[in-house]
């Protein structure tokens, strides 16, 4: 069983930055591809960014490309989402997810491809 704990959410003004962290309670962190999703009220849970277990081939949704950066630190069993130039439309609950994978470069963008989820952290961007 993998437990994922997100942190770093909060309230920020438009144009500001936040860094989300997701700590995984598993020693085999490196076998998991990781992703960040977000869900606004009344909306679907959509992928924001994803990264392979090797840290290569990051994927970004069009809406965040150039503003968000996903990264992972194997030594800390942690994946990060650096969010810059935040906009009010980025307001949502952000979820971290882990997918079991056999491939070093596989990146997953569908929510049903992920095996484990964190509880989410709220990000609110004021205008």
Foldseek 3Di string as FASTA:
>chain_A
DKAKAKDWADEEAAQAKIKMKIAIPDLVLLQWKKFKWWDAPPGDTFTAWTAFSLQPDIDGDPVQPPFWDWGDDSVRNMIMIIGGRDDQVVWTWMKMFIAGDPDRGDIDGDPVRTDDIYPTDTHGYHD
